[in-house]
Amino acid sequence: MPEKLVRDRIPEIIRQDGGEPRVRVVSGTELDKLIRLKIVEEAQELLTSGEDEEIADILEALEALLVHRSIDRAAIDDARLRKREERGGFEKGFVLETSE
């Protein structure tokens, strides 16, 4: 199984179930990359399953990235709102078929 970032309690849960997890602790740029990979992994799971639970997993991973990068949530919300004002949201369901 390839290495992947897991939730903090997963090693403990594996041990409680009688397993012997091999884990290592990462930080810095490696942690940043693994969190970004986790976001992509969870987004793929959402795409496949469509389950609301996957949205929670994506939000948890995004929150971890904000904390890791010391990004203020308000700054992200400001950027989101600025983009919404300039380009709109996604609520209307427009699909671009061509851009001639």
N, C-alpha and C. Protein backbone atom coordinates (compact mmCIF):
# COMPACT_ATOMS: atom_id res chain seq x y z
N MET A 1 0.84 -1.17 0.00
CA MET A 1 0.00 0.00 0.00
C MET A 1 0.89 1.24 0.00
N PRO A 2 0.63 2.19 -0.91
CA PRO A 2 1.45 3.41 -0.93
C PRO A 2 1.20 4.25 0.31
N GLU A 3 2.18 5.06 0.65
CA GLU A 3 2.03 5.96 1.79
C GLU A 3 0.92 6.96 1.52
N LYS A 4 0.17 7.28 2.57
CA LYS A 4 -0.83 8.34 2.46
C LYS A 4 -1.06 8.93 3.84
N LEU A 5 -1.45 10.17 3.84
CA LEU A 5 -1.79 10.86 5.07
C LEU A 5 -3.10 10.30 5.60
N VAL A 6 -3.13 10.01 6.90
CA VAL A 6 -4.35 9.51 7.53
C VAL A 6 -4.72 10.40 8.71
N ARG A 7 -5.95 10.29 9.11
CA ARG A 7 -6.42 11.06 10.27
C ARG A 7 -5.61 10.66 11.51
N ASP A 8 -5.50 11.59 12.45
CA ASP A 8 -4.62 11.44 13.60
C ASP A 8 -4.89 10.20 14.46
N ARG A 9 -6.13 9.76 14.53
CA ARG A 9 -6.46 8.62 15.40
C ARG A 9 -6.40 7.28 14.68
N ILE A 10 -6.13 7.26 13.38
CA ILE A 10 -6.14 6.00 12.63
C ILE A 10 -5.11 4.98 13.17
N PRO A 11 -3.87 5.37 13.46
CA PRO A 11 -2.95 4.37 14.02
C PRO A 11 -3.48 3.75 15.32
N GLU A 12 -4.04 4.57 16.19
CA GLU A 12 -4.62 4.09 17.45
C GLU A 12 -5.76 3.10 17.18
N ILE A 13 -6.62 3.43 16.23
CA ILE A 13 -7.75 2.56 15.89
C ILE A 13 -7.26 1.23 15.33
N ILE A 14 -6.23 1.27 14.49
CA ILE A 14 -5.66 0.04 13.94
C ILE A 14 -5.10 -0.82 15.06
N ARG A 15 -4.40 -0.20 16.02
CA ARG A 15 -3.86 -0.96 17.16
C ARG A 15 -4.97 -1.58 18.00
N GLN A 16 -6.05 -0.83 18.22
CA GLN A 16 -7.19 -1.35 18.99
C GLN A 16 -7.81 -2.56 18.31
N ASP A 17 -7.73 -2.59 16.99
CA ASP A 17 -8.27 -3.70 16.22
C ASP A 17 -7.26 -4.84 16.06
N GLY A 18 -6.12 -4.74 16.76
CA GLY A 18 -5.13 -5.80 16.74
C GLY A 18 -4.07 -5.66 15.67
N GLY A 19 -4.07 -4.58 14.93
CA GLY A 19 -3.09 -4.37 13.87
C GLY A 19 -1.82 -3.71 14.38
N GLU A 20 -0.83 -3.69 13.53
CA GLU A 20 0.46 -3.06 13.84
C GLU A 20 0.78 -2.05 12.74
N PRO A 21 0.26 -0.83 12.85
CA PRO A 21 0.51 0.14 11.79
C PRO A 21 1.96 0.63 11.80
N ARG A 22 2.53 0.78 10.63
CA ARG A 22 3.84 1.43 10.50
C ARG A 22 3.57 2.86 10.06
N VAL A 23 3.92 3.80 10.90
CA VAL A 23 3.66 5.21 10.61
C VAL A 23 4.94 6.00 10.80
N ARG A 24 4.97 7.14 10.16
CA ARG A 24 6.03 8.12 10.40
C ARG A 24 5.36 9.47 10.42
N VAL A 25 5.99 10.41 11.07
CA VAL A 25 5.46 11.76 11.20
C VAL A 25 6.19 12.65 10.19
N VAL A 26 5.42 13.43 9.44
CA VAL A 26 6.00 14.33 8.45
C VAL A 26 5.69 15.77 8.82
N SER A 27 6.41 16.68 8.21
CA SER A 27 6.18 18.11 8.44
C SER A 27 6.66 18.86 7.21
N GLY A 28 6.57 20.17 7.29
CA GLY A 28 7.10 21.03 6.24
C GLY A 28 6.48 20.79 4.88
N THR A 29 7.34 20.85 3.86
CA THR A 29 6.84 20.72 2.48
C THR A 29 6.26 19.34 2.21
N GLU A 30 6.78 18.31 2.88
CA GLU A 30 6.23 16.97 2.67
C GLU A 30 4.80 16.90 3.20
N LEU A 31 4.55 17.46 4.36
CA LEU A 31 3.19 17.48 4.90
C LEU A 31 2.28 18.29 3.99
N ASP A 32 2.75 19.42 3.52
CA ASP A 32 1.95 20.25 2.62
C ASP A 32 1.51 19.45 1.39
N LYS A 33 2.45 18.75 0.78
CA LYS A 33 2.13 17.96 -0.41
C LYS A 33 1.16 16.83 -0.08
N LEU A 34 1.38 16.14 1.05
CA LEU A 34 0.50 15.03 1.42
C LEU A 34 -0.92 15.51 1.74
N ILE A 35 -1.05 16.69 2.33
CA ILE A 35 -2.40 17.23 2.57
C ILE A 35 -3.07 17.53 1.22
N ARG A 36 -2.33 18.10 0.29
CA ARG A 36 -2.90 18.39 -1.03
C ARG A 36 -3.30 17.11 -1.74
N LEU A 37 -2.49 16.07 -1.62
CA LEU A 37 -2.85 14.76 -2.19
C LEU A 37 -4.10 14.20 -1.52
N LYS A 38 -4.22 14.40 -0.21
CA LYS A 38 -5.41 13.93 0.52
C LYS A 38 -6.66 14.64 0.00
N ILE A 39 -6.56 15.93 -0.26
CA ILE A 39 -7.70 16.68 -0.80
C ILE A 39 -8.12 16.09 -2.14
N VAL A 40 -7.15 15.79 -3.00
CA VAL A 40 -7.46 15.19 -4.30
C VAL A 40 -8.09 13.81 -4.11
N GLU A 41 -7.52 13.01 -3.20
CA GLU A 41 -8.07 11.67 -2.92
C GLU A 41 -9.53 11.76 -2.47
N GLU A 42 -9.79 12.66 -1.54
CA GLU A 42 -11.16 12.80 -1.04
C GLU A 42 -12.10 13.33 -2.12
N ALA A 43 -11.60 14.22 -2.97
CA ALA A 43 -12.42 14.73 -4.08
C ALA A 43 -12.75 13.60 -5.06
N GLN A 44 -11.80 12.72 -5.32
CA GLN A 44 -12.06 11.56 -6.19
C GLN A 44 -13.11 10.65 -5.56
N GLU A 45 -13.04 10.46 -4.25
CA GLU A 45 -14.04 9.63 -3.56
C GLU A 45 -15.42 10.28 -3.65
N LEU A 46 -15.48 11.61 -3.54
CA LEU A 46 -16.76 12.31 -3.70
C LEU A 46 -17.29 12.14 -5.11
N LEU A 47 -16.42 12.24 -6.09
CA LEU A 47 -16.82 12.07 -7.48
C LEU A 47 -17.40 10.67 -7.70
N THR A 48 -16.75 9.68 -7.13
CA THR A 48 -17.18 8.29 -7.31
C THR A 48 -18.47 7.98 -6.56
N SER A 49 -18.51 8.36 -5.28
CA SER A 49 -19.64 7.95 -4.43
C SER A 49 -20.78 8.96 -4.41
N GLY A 50 -20.45 10.25 -4.51
CA GLY A 50 -21.46 11.29 -4.38
C GLY A 50 -21.95 11.48 -2.96
N GLU A 51 -21.33 10.81 -1.99
CA GLU A 51 -21.78 10.85 -0.60
C GLU A 51 -21.38 12.16 0.09
N ASP A 52 -22.33 12.71 0.86
CA ASP A 52 -22.08 13.94 1.61
C ASP A 52 -20.91 13.79 2.58
N GLU A 53 -20.71 12.60 3.10
CA GLU A 53 -19.62 12.33 4.05
C GLU A 53 -18.26 12.72 3.45
N GLU A 54 -18.13 12.56 2.15
CA GLU A 54 -16.86 12.91 1.50
C GLU A 54 -16.63 14.41 1.51
N ILE A 55 -17.70 15.19 1.50
CA ILE A 55 -17.55 16.65 1.60
C ILE A 55 -16.92 17.00 2.94
N ALA A 56 -17.35 16.32 4.00
CA ALA A 56 -16.78 16.55 5.32
C ALA A 56 -15.29 16.22 5.33
N ASP A 57 -14.90 15.14 4.64
CA ASP A 57 -13.49 14.76 4.57
C ASP A 57 -12.67 15.81 3.81
N ILE A 58 -13.23 16.34 2.73
CA ILE A 58 -12.55 17.38 1.97
C ILE A 58 -12.36 18.63 2.84
N LEU A 59 -13.42 19.01 3.55
CA LEU A 59 -13.33 20.19 4.42
C LEU A 59 -12.29 19.99 5.52
N GLU A 60 -12.23 18.79 6.08
CA GLU A 60 -11.24 18.51 7.12
C GLU A 60 -9.82 18.65 6.57
N ALA A 61 -9.60 18.13 5.38
CA ALA A 61 -8.27 18.22 4.76
C ALA A 61 -7.95 19.68 4.41
N LEU A 62 -8.93 20.42 3.90
CA LEU A 62 -8.70 21.83 3.60
C LEU A 62 -8.38 22.61 4.88
N GLU A 63 -9.07 22.31 5.95
CA GLU A 63 -8.80 22.97 7.23
C GLU A 63 -7.38 22.67 7.69
N ALA A 64 -6.93 21.43 7.51
CA ALA A 64 -5.56 21.07 7.87
C ALA A 64 -4.55 21.87 7.06
N LEU A 65 -4.85 22.08 5.78
CA LEU A 65 -3.94 22.86 4.94
C LEU A 65 -3.89 24.32 5.38
N LEU A 66 -5.04 24.87 5.74
CA LEU A 66 -5.06 26.25 6.24
C LEU A 66 -4.22 26.38 7.50
N VAL A 67 -4.38 25.44 8.42
CA VAL A 67 -3.62 25.47 9.67
C VAL A 67 -2.13 25.31 9.37
N HIS A 68 -1.80 24.33 8.54
CA HIS A 68 -0.39 24.08 8.21
C HIS A 68 0.27 25.30 7.60
N ARG A 69 -0.45 26.00 6.73
CA ARG A 69 0.11 27.18 6.06
C ARG A 69 -0.12 28.47 6.84
N SER A 70 -0.73 28.37 8.00
CA SER A 70 -1.04 29.54 8.84
C SER A 70 -1.84 30.58 8.06
N ILE A 71 -2.82 30.10 7.31
CA ILE A 71 -3.67 30.98 6.53
C ILE A 71 -4.93 31.28 7.33
N ASP A 72 -5.24 32.55 7.42
CA ASP A 72 -6.45 32.99 8.12
C ASP A 72 -7.68 32.62 7.30
N ARG A 73 -8.62 31.96 7.91
CA ARG A 73 -9.85 31.54 7.22
C ARG A 73 -10.58 32.74 6.62
N ALA A 74 -10.55 33.87 7.29
CA ALA A 74 -11.21 35.07 6.78
C ALA A 74 -10.56 35.53 5.47
N ALA A 75 -9.25 35.37 5.34
CA ALA A 75 -8.57 35.75 4.10
C ALA A 75 -9.03 34.87 2.94
N ILE A 76 -9.22 33.59 3.22
CA ILE A 76 -9.72 32.67 2.19
C ILE A 76 -11.15 33.02 1.81
N ASP A 77 -11.96 33.32 2.80
CA ASP A 77 -13.35 33.72 2.52
C ASP A 77 -13.38 35.01 1.70
N ASP A 78 -12.50 35.96 2.01
CA ASP A 78 -12.42 37.20 1.24
C ASP A 78 -12.07 36.90 -0.23
N ALA A 79 -11.09 36.03 -0.44
CA ALA A 79 -10.70 35.66 -1.80
C ALA A 79 -11.86 34.96 -2.53
N ARG A 80 -12.56 34.08 -1.82
CA ARG A 80 -13.70 33.38 -2.40
C ARG A 80 -14.79 34.37 -2.81
N LEU A 81 -15.10 35.29 -1.93
CA LEU A 81 -16.14 36.28 -2.22
C LEU A 81 -15.73 37.22 -3.35
N ARG A 82 -14.45 37.58 -3.39
CA ARG A 82 -13.96 38.44 -4.47
C ARG A 82 -14.10 37.72 -5.82
N LYS A 83 -13.73 36.45 -5.86
CA LYS A 83 -13.87 35.68 -7.10
C LYS A 83 -15.34 35.52 -7.47
N ARG A 84 -16.19 35.33 -6.48
CA ARG A 84 -17.63 35.20 -6.74
C ARG A 84 -18.17 36.49 -7.35
N GLU A 85 -17.72 37.63 -6.80
CA GLU A 85 -18.17 38.93 -7.31
C GLU A 85 -17.69 39.14 -8.75
N GLU A 86 -16.44 38.78 -9.02
CA GLU A 86 -15.85 38.99 -10.34
C GLU A 86 -16.34 38.00 -11.39
N ARG A 87 -16.48 36.72 -10.99
CA ARG A 87 -16.73 35.66 -11.97
C ARG A 87 -18.00 34.86 -11.72
N GLY A 88 -18.61 35.09 -10.56
CA GLY A 88 -19.82 34.35 -10.21
C GLY A 88 -19.50 33.08 -9.45
N GLY A 89 -20.58 32.36 -9.08
CA GLY A 89 -20.43 31.09 -8.38
C GLY A 89 -20.67 29.94 -9.35
N PHE A 90 -21.21 28.87 -8.86
CA PHE A 90 -21.47 27.69 -9.68
C PHE A 90 -22.93 27.24 -9.60
N GLU A 91 -23.78 28.06 -9.00
CA GLU A 91 -25.15 27.66 -8.72
C GLU A 91 -26.02 27.50 -9.96
N LYS A 92 -25.75 28.25 -11.03
CA LYS A 92 -26.62 28.24 -12.20
C LYS A 92 -26.42 27.02 -13.09
N GLY A 93 -25.34 26.29 -12.87
CA GLY A 93 -25.12 25.05 -13.62
C GLY A 93 -24.66 25.24 -15.05
N PHE A 94 -24.03 26.36 -15.36
CA PHE A 94 -23.53 26.57 -16.72
C PHE A 94 -22.41 25.59 -17.04
N VAL A 95 -22.48 24.97 -18.22
CA VAL A 95 -21.42 24.09 -18.72
C VAL A 95 -20.91 24.69 -20.02
N LEU A 96 -19.64 25.03 -20.06
CA LEU A 96 -19.06 25.64 -21.25
C LEU A 96 -18.78 24.53 -22.27
N GLU A 97 -19.47 24.59 -23.40
CA GLU A 97 -19.29 23.59 -24.45
C GLU A 97 -18.27 24.04 -25.48
N THR A 98 -18.17 25.35 -25.69
CA THR A 98 -17.20 25.90 -26.62
C THR A 98 -16.90 27.34 -26.23
N SER A 99 -15.74 27.80 -26.63
CA SER A 99 -15.33 29.16 -26.32
C SER A 99 -14.69 29.78 -27.54
N GLU A 100 -15.52 30.06 -28.55
CA GLU A 100 -15.00 30.61 -29.83
C GLU A 100 -14.88 32.10 -29.77
